[in-house]
C-alpha atoms as a PDB file:
ATOM      1  CA  MET A   1      60.199 -91.678 -43.004  1.00  0.00           C
ATOM      2  CA  ASN A   2      59.160 -95.152 -42.668  1.00  0.00           C
ATOM      3  CA  ALA A   3      55.572 -96.847 -43.313  1.00  0.00           C
ATOM      4  CA  ARG A   4      54.709 -95.663 -39.720  1.00  0.00           C
ATOM      5  CA  GLU A   5      56.169 -92.686 -39.211  1.00  0.00           C
ATOM      6  CA  THR A   6      53.932 -91.583 -41.805  1.00  0.00           C
ATOM      7  CA  ILE A   7      50.399 -93.120 -40.385  1.00  0.00           C
ATOM      8  CA  LEU A   8      51.345 -91.808 -37.447  1.00  0.00           C
ATOM      9  CA  THR A   9      52.422 -88.018 -38.270  1.00  0.00           C
ATOM     10  CA  ALA A  10      49.265 -87.763 -40.800  1.00  0.00           C
ATOM     11  CA  ILE A  11      47.151 -89.112 -37.499  1.00  0.00           C
ATOM     12  CA  SER A  12      48.124 -86.121 -35.806  1.00  0.00           C
ATOM     13  CA  THR A  13      48.179 -83.455 -38.716  1.00  0.00           C
ATOM     14  CA  ASN A  14      44.402 -84.397 -38.464  1.00  0.00           C
ATOM     15  CA  LYS A  15      43.571 -85.107 -35.377  1.00  0.00           C
ATOM     16  CA  PRO A  16      40.606 -82.674 -34.615  1.00  0.00           C
ATOM     17  CA  ALA A  17      40.542 -80.449 -32.092  1.00  0.00           C
ATOM     18  CA  PHE A  18      39.783 -80.836 -28.545  1.00  0.00           C
ATOM     19  CA  ARG A  19      36.599 -80.583 -27.028  1.00  0.00           C
ATOM     20  CA  GLU A  20      35.211 -80.671 -23.373  1.00  0.00           C
ATOM     21  CA  ALA A  21      32.575 -83.594 -23.103  1.00  0.00           C
ATOM     22  CA  PRO A  22      29.095 -82.259 -22.913  1.00  0.00           C
ATOM     23  CA  GLU A  23      26.691 -82.543 -19.715  1.00  0.00           C
ATOM     24  CA  VAL A  24      24.659 -84.836 -20.360  1.00  0.00           C
ATOM     25  CA  ALA A  25      21.115 -84.412 -18.129  1.00  0.00           C
ATOM     26  CA  VAL A  26      19.994 -87.902 -17.366  1.00  0.00           C
ATOM     27  CA  PRO A  27      16.452 -87.754 -15.138  1.00  0.00           C
ATOM     28  CA  ALA A  28      16.702 -90.209 -12.420  1.00  0.00           C
ATOM     29  CA  GLU A  29      13.515 -91.738 -10.318  1.00  0.00           C
ATOM     30  CA  LYS A  30      13.859 -90.806  -6.797  1.00  0.00           C
ATOM     31  CA  ASP A  31      10.914 -92.750  -5.419  1.00  0.00           C
ATOM     32  CA  PRO A  32      12.046 -95.952  -3.015  1.00  0.00           C
ATOM     33  CA  ALA A  33       9.249 -97.427  -3.653  1.00  0.00           C
ATOM     34  CA  ILE A  34       9.370 -97.236  -7.901  1.00  0.00           C
ATOM     35  CA  LEU A  35      12.702 -98.210  -7.404  1.00  0.00           C
ATOM     36  CA  LEU A  36      12.156-101.231  -5.611  1.00  0.00           C
ATOM     37  CA  LYS A  37       9.620-102.810  -7.266  1.00  0.00           C
ATOM     38  CA  LYS A  38      11.573-101.809 -10.835  1.00  0.00           C
ATOM     39  CA  PHE A  39      14.816-103.282  -9.399  1.00  0.00           C
ATOM     40  CA  SER A  40      13.148-106.323  -8.224  1.00  0.00           C
ATOM     41  CA  ASP A  41      11.476-106.658 -11.731  1.00  0.00           C
ATOM     42  CA  LEU A  42      14.641-106.373 -13.105  1.00  0.00           C
ATOM     43  CA  VAL A  43      16.406-108.895 -10.871  1.00  0.00           C
ATOM     44  CA  ALA A  44      13.837-111.324 -12.022  1.00  0.00           C
ATOM     45  CA  VAL A  45      14.532-110.728 -15.663  1.00  0.00           C
ATOM     46  CA  MET A  46      18.151-111.319 -15.063  1.00  0.00           C
ATOM     47  CA  GLY A  47      17.208-115.308 -13.720  1.00  0.00           C
ATOM     48  CA  GLY A  48      17.738-114.198 -10.017  1.00  0.00           C
ATOM     49  CA  SER A  49      15.165-113.978  -7.029  1.00  0.00           C
ATOM     50  CA  VAL A  50      14.844-111.212  -4.923  1.00  0.00           C
ATOM     51  CA  LYS A  51      13.524-111.751  -1.158  1.00  0.00           C
ATOM     52  CA  GLN A  52      12.453-108.559   0.920  1.00  0.00           C
ATOM     53  CA  VAL A  53      12.854-108.694   4.665  1.00  0.00           C
ATOM     54  CA  SER A  54      12.780-106.343   7.640  1.00  0.00           C
ATOM     55  CA  SER A  55      15.788-106.759   9.474  1.00  0.00           C
ATOM     56  CA  PHE A  56      19.146-109.115   9.934  1.00  0.00           C
ATOM     57  CA  GLU A  57      17.498-111.843  11.774  1.00  0.00           C
ATOM     58  CA  ALA A  58      15.444-113.115   8.401  1.00  0.00           C
ATOM     59  CA  ILE A  59      18.379-113.446   6.821  1.00  0.00           C
ATOM     60  CA  ALA A  60      20.768-114.861   9.565  1.00  0.00           C
ATOM     61  CA  LYS A  61      17.659-117.285   9.754  1.00  0.00           C
ATOM     62  CA  ASP A  62      17.641-118.780   6.336  1.00  0.00           C
ATOM     63  CA  LEU A  63      21.730-119.024   7.093  1.00  0.00           C
ATOM     64  CA  LEU A  64      21.311-121.411   9.984  1.00  0.00           C
ATOM     65  CA  GLU A  65      19.214-123.346   8.667  1.00  0.00           C
ATOM     66  CA  GLU A  66      20.942-123.770   5.144  1.00  0.00           C
ATOM     67  CA  LYS A  67      24.441-124.672   7.520  1.00  0.00           C
ATOM     68  CA  ALA A  68      22.166-127.548   9.542  1.00  0.00           C
ATOM     69  CA  ALA A  69      21.067-128.977   6.015  1.00  0.00           C
ATOM     70  CA  ALA A  70      24.392-129.218   5.413  1.00  0.00           C
ATOM     71  CA  GLN A  71      24.040-129.037   1.687  1.00  0.00           C
ATOM     72  CA  GLY A  72      27.927-128.143   1.128  1.00  0.00           C
ATOM     73  CA  HIS A  73      30.182-125.430   2.130  1.00  0.00           C
ATOM     74  CA  ILE A  74      28.463-122.097   3.002  1.00  0.00           C
ATOM     75  CA  VAL A  75      30.288-119.793   3.249  1.00  0.00           C
ATOM     76  CA  ASN A  76      29.202-116.091   4.810  1.00  0.00           C
ATOM     77  CA  THR A  77      30.661-112.551   4.923  1.00  0.00           C
ATOM     78  CA  VAL A  78      28.469-110.158   6.161  1.00  0.00           C
ATOM     79  CA  LYS A  79      29.152-110.373  10.137  1.00  0.00           C
ATOM     80  CA  GLU A  80      25.499-108.939  10.883  1.00  0.00           C
ATOM     81  CA  ILE A  81      24.012-112.493  10.290  1.00  0.00           C
ATOM     82  CA  GLY A  82      26.461-114.249  11.843  1.00  0.00           C
ATOM     83  CA  ASP A  83      29.822-115.712  12.349  1.00  0.00           C
ATOM     84  CA  THR A  84      32.159-114.946   9.155  1.00  0.00           C
ATOM     85  CA  ASN A  85      34.415-117.525   7.636  1.00  0.00           C
ATOM     86  CA  PRO A  86      38.129-116.297   8.147  1.00  0.00           C
ATOM     87  CA  GLU A  87      39.172-118.857   6.287  1.00  0.00           C
ATOM     88  CA  ILE A  88      38.258-117.211   3.144  1.00  0.00           C
ATOM     89  CA  SER A  89      40.738-114.586   2.528  1.00  0.00           C
ATOM     90  CA  SER A  90      42.964-113.150  -0.360  1.00  0.00           C
ATOM     91  CA  GLU A  91      45.892-115.268  -0.007  1.00  0.00           C
ATOM     92  CA  ARG A  92      43.706-118.640  -1.335  1.00  0.00           C
ATOM     93  CA  THR A  93      44.007-119.873  -4.376  1.00  0.00           C
ATOM     94  CA  PRO A  94      40.611-120.740  -6.452  1.00  0.00           C
ATOM     95  CA  THR A  95      41.096-123.942  -5.992  1.00  0.00           C
ATOM     96  CA  ASP A  96      40.638-123.590  -2.268  1.00  0.00           C
ATOM     97  CA  LEU A  97      37.046-121.861  -2.986  1.00  0.00           C
ATOM     98  CA  ALA A  98      36.018-124.929  -5.045  1.00  0.00           C
ATOM     99  CA  ARG A  99      34.007-126.771  -2.309  1.00  0.00           C
ATOM    100  CA  VAL A 100      32.001-123.534  -1.408  1.00  0.00           C
ATOM    101  CA  GLU A 101      28.476-124.450  -2.271  1.00  0.00           C
ATOM    102  CA  LYS A 102      26.646-120.877  -1.238  1.00  0.00           C
ATOM    103  CA  ALA A 103      28.461-117.393  -0.199  1.00  0.00           C
ATOM    104  CA  TYR A 104      26.984-114.793   1.413  1.00  0.00           C
ATOM    105  CA  ILE A 105      27.815-111.082   1.126  1.00  0.00           C
ATOM    106  CA  ARG A 106      27.428-107.839   0.879  1.00  0.00           C
ATOM    107  CA  GLY A 107      26.069-105.090  -2.088  1.00  0.00           C
ATOM    108  CA  THR A 108      26.643-101.419  -1.543  1.00  0.00           C
ATOM    109  CA  ILE A 109      24.481-100.061  -4.415  1.00  0.00           C
ATOM    110  CA  ALA A 110      22.031-101.691  -6.757  1.00  0.00           C
ATOM    111  CA  VAL A 111      20.700-100.410 -10.071  1.00  0.00           C
ATOM    112  CA  ALA A 112      17.272-100.052 -11.017  1.00  0.00           C
ATOM    113  CA  GLU A 113      17.987-100.026 -14.535  1.00  0.00           C
ATOM    114  CA  ASN A 114      19.645-103.441 -14.585  1.00  0.00           C
ATOM    115  CA  GLY A 115      19.291-105.511 -11.545  1.00  0.00           C
ATOM    116  CA  ALA A 116      23.150-105.095 -11.342  1.00  0.00           C
ATOM    117  CA  ILE A 117      24.521-104.842  -7.650  1.00  0.00           C
ATOM    118  CA  TRP A 118      28.353-102.832  -6.433  1.00  0.00           C
ATOM    119  CA  VAL A 119      30.514-105.373  -4.602  1.00  0.00           C
ATOM    120  CA  LYS A 120      33.810-104.053  -3.501  1.00  0.00           C
ATOM    121  CA  GLU A 121      37.141-106.598  -3.003  1.00  0.00           C
ATOM    122  CA  SER A 122      36.850-105.633   0.567  1.00  0.00           C
ATOM    123  CA  ASP A 123      33.296-107.718   0.914  1.00  0.00           C
ATOM    124  CA  MET A 124      33.775-110.197  -1.068  1.00  0.00           C
ATOM    125  CA  GLN A 125      36.887-111.298   1.509  1.00  0.00           C
ATOM    126  CA  HIS A 126      38.445-112.820  -1.963  1.00  0.00           C
ATOM    127  CA  ARG A 127      37.660-111.546  -5.396  1.00  0.00           C
ATOM    128  CA  LEU A 128      36.826-115.178  -6.959  1.00  0.00           C
ATOM    129  CA  LEU A 129      34.279-115.591  -4.044  1.00  0.00           C
ATOM    130  CA  PRO A 130      31.223-114.534  -6.045  1.00  0.00           C
ATOM    131  CA  PHE A 131      31.998-116.547  -9.257  1.00  0.00           C
ATOM    132  CA  LEU A 132      33.542-119.983  -7.466  1.00  0.00           C
ATOM    133  CA  CYS A 133      30.691-120.514  -5.779  1.00  0.00           C
ATOM    134  CA  GLN A 134      27.505-122.729  -7.042  1.00  0.00           C
ATOM    135  CA  HIS A 135      25.239-120.344  -5.254  1.00  0.00           C
ATOM    136  CA  LEU A 136      25.324-116.739  -4.548  1.00  0.00           C
ATOM    137  CA  ALA A 137      23.078-114.196  -1.892  1.00  0.00           C
ATOM    138  CA  ILE A 138      23.766-110.679  -2.262  1.00  0.00           C
ATOM    139  CA  MET A 139      22.183-108.378   0.764  1.00  0.00           C
ATOM    140  CA  ILE A 140      21.425-104.914  -0.016  1.00  0.00           C
ATOM    141  CA  ASN A 141      19.649-102.060   1.463  1.00  0.00           C
ATOM    142  CA  ALA A 142      16.889-100.574   0.434  1.00  0.00           C
ATOM    143  CA  ALA A 143      18.444 -96.872   0.627  1.00  0.00           C
ATOM    144  CA  THR A 144      21.070 -97.961  -1.492  1.00  0.00           C
ATOM    145  CA  ILE A 145      19.178 -98.417  -5.171  1.00  0.00           C
ATOM    146  CA  VAL A 146      19.580 -95.940  -7.707  1.00  0.00           C
ATOM    147  CA  ASP A 147      17.664 -95.800 -10.669  1.00  0.00           C
ATOM    148  CA  ASN A 148      20.489 -95.940 -13.488  1.00  0.00           C
ATOM    149  CA  MET A 149      24.091 -96.945 -13.627  1.00  0.00           C
ATOM    150  CA  HIS A 150      24.890 -92.727 -13.549  1.00  0.00           C
ATOM    151  CA  GLU A 151      23.934 -92.468 -10.391  1.00  0.00           C
ATOM    152  CA  ALA A 152      25.577 -95.003  -9.476  1.00  0.00           C
ATOM    153  CA  TYR A 153      28.773 -94.031 -10.581  1.00  0.00           C
ATOM    154  CA  LYS A 154      28.435 -91.066  -8.648  1.00  0.00           C
ATOM    155  CA  GLN A 155      28.305 -92.957  -5.840  1.00  0.00           C
ATOM    156  CA  ILE A 156      31.617 -94.916  -6.586  1.00  0.00           C
ATOM    157  CA  THR A 157      34.980 -93.672  -5.917  1.00  0.00           C
ATOM    158  CA  VAL A 158      36.757 -96.536  -8.671  1.00  0.00           C
ATOM    159  CA  ASN A 159      40.782 -95.838  -6.520  1.00  0.00           C
ATOM    160  CA  GLU A 160      38.698 -96.989  -3.428  1.00  0.00           C
ATOM    161  CA  GLU A 161      39.807-100.857  -3.554  1.00  0.00           C
ATOM    162  CA  GLY A 162      41.646-102.834  -5.704  1.00  0.00           C
ATOM    163  CA  TYR A 163      38.891-104.187  -7.371  1.00  0.00           C
ATOM    164  CA  GLY A 164      34.991-104.087  -7.353  1.00  0.00           C
ATOM    165  CA  LEU A 165      32.198-105.036  -9.782  1.00  0.00           C
ATOM    166  CA  PHE A 166      28.716-104.807 -10.726  1.00  0.00           C
ATOM    167  CA  ILE A 167      27.296-108.607 -10.633  1.00  0.00           C
ATOM    168  CA  ALA A 168      23.436-108.941 -12.590  1.00  0.00           C
ATOM    169  CA  GLY A 169      21.955-112.638 -12.225  1.00  0.00           C
ATOM    170  CA  PRO A 170      23.231-116.081 -12.130  1.00  0.00           C
ATOM    171  CA  SER A 171      26.221-116.788 -14.752  1.00  0.00           C
ATOM    172  CA  LYS A 172      24.426-117.528 -18.089  1.00  0.00           C
ATOM    173  CA  THR A 173      26.303-118.134 -21.231  1.00  0.00           C
ATOM    174  CA  ALA A 174      23.914-118.908 -24.747  1.00  0.00           C
ATOM    175  CA  ASP A 175      27.396-118.654 -26.805  1.00  0.00           C
ATOM    176  CA  ILE A 176      26.485-122.854 -27.756  1.00  0.00           C
ATOM    177  CA  GLU A 177      23.929-123.064 -30.675  1.00  0.00           C
ATOM    178  CA  GLN A 178      21.947-120.060 -28.803  1.00  0.00           C
ATOM    179  CA  SER A 179      21.254-122.680 -26.371  1.00  0.00           C
ATOM    180  CA  LEU A 180      20.944-120.889 -22.842  1.00  0.00           C
ATOM    181  CA  VAL A 181      23.200-122.301 -19.914  1.00  0.00           C
ATOM    182  CA  VAL A 182      22.885-121.291 -16.545  1.00  0.00           C
ATOM    183  CA  GLY A 183      26.221-121.330 -13.545  1.00  0.00           C
ATOM    184  CA  ALA A 184      28.477-122.229 -17.041  1.00  0.00           C
ATOM    185  CA  HIS A 185      31.006-119.708 -15.655  1.00  0.00           C
ATOM    186  CA  GLY A 186      29.680-118.743 -12.223  1.00  0.00           C
ATOM    187  CA  PRO A 187      27.025-119.307  -9.806  1.00  0.00           C
ATOM    188  CA  LYS A 188      23.987-121.450 -11.136  1.00  0.00           C
ATOM    189  CA  SER A 189      21.473-118.708  -8.579  1.00  0.00           C
ATOM    190  CA  LEU A 190      21.254-115.121  -7.211  1.00  0.00           C
ATOM    191  CA  LEU A 191      19.147-114.779  -4.305  1.00  0.00           C
ATOM    192  CA  VAL A 192      19.063-110.811  -3.458  1.00  0.00           C
ATOM    193  CA  TYR A 193      18.338-110.125   0.029  1.00  0.00           C
ATOM    194  CA  ILE A 194      16.817-106.205   0.353  1.00  0.00           C
ATOM    195  CA  VAL A 195      16.598-104.920   3.878  1.00  0.00           C
ATOM    196  CA  VAL A 196      13.457-102.731   3.876  1.00  0.00           C
ATOM    197  CA  ASN A 197      13.848-101.298   7.119  1.00  0.00           C
ATOM    198  CA  GLY A 198      17.204-101.501   8.342  1.00  0.00           C
ATOM    199  CA  SER A 199      20.590-100.898   7.267  1.00  0.00           C
ATOM    200  CA  LEU A 200      23.978-103.009   5.674  1.00  0.00           C
ATOM    201  CA  SER A 201      26.202 -99.431   6.544  1.00  0.00           C
END
């Protein structure tokens, strides 16, 4: 028996008995007003900003104004606020997305405890879009805000699509000389539209 086999045999012999994972009860806030404020505050802490709207029309107006200003290539993936960009597809290369100034995408679940938003691949049109754009706008329904990650994962089917992720704030790093740099690895800004009286479903 060589050294590797000796080590593996020793580990197998001394392996502790199997135990079921314990059930952990995590209290969760349910009041919509409290969740909305808590989430909004955490988005700000993470370096993002929040804009509450009552309908898609307000977001569509912002989108039209930004396109009219012609300040770079604006991409929309949410059909409820205007024409989408069919050229943004999974077949595109990262180089094709390099010119995207701002992207509008849909979020499905928002987490109050950390300001994170769950985004599915089908809502991005291209999984690199949220990272290669200079500025990012995510739309969520206020009714989708949950208190913590435990509550969020209860609503997520991880194998529903090939890809999904939580996004919290703009890109930030302080690795170099403890100096905070925003936008080093992704968007320079994050704007979260919260549809308070509407729906994104």
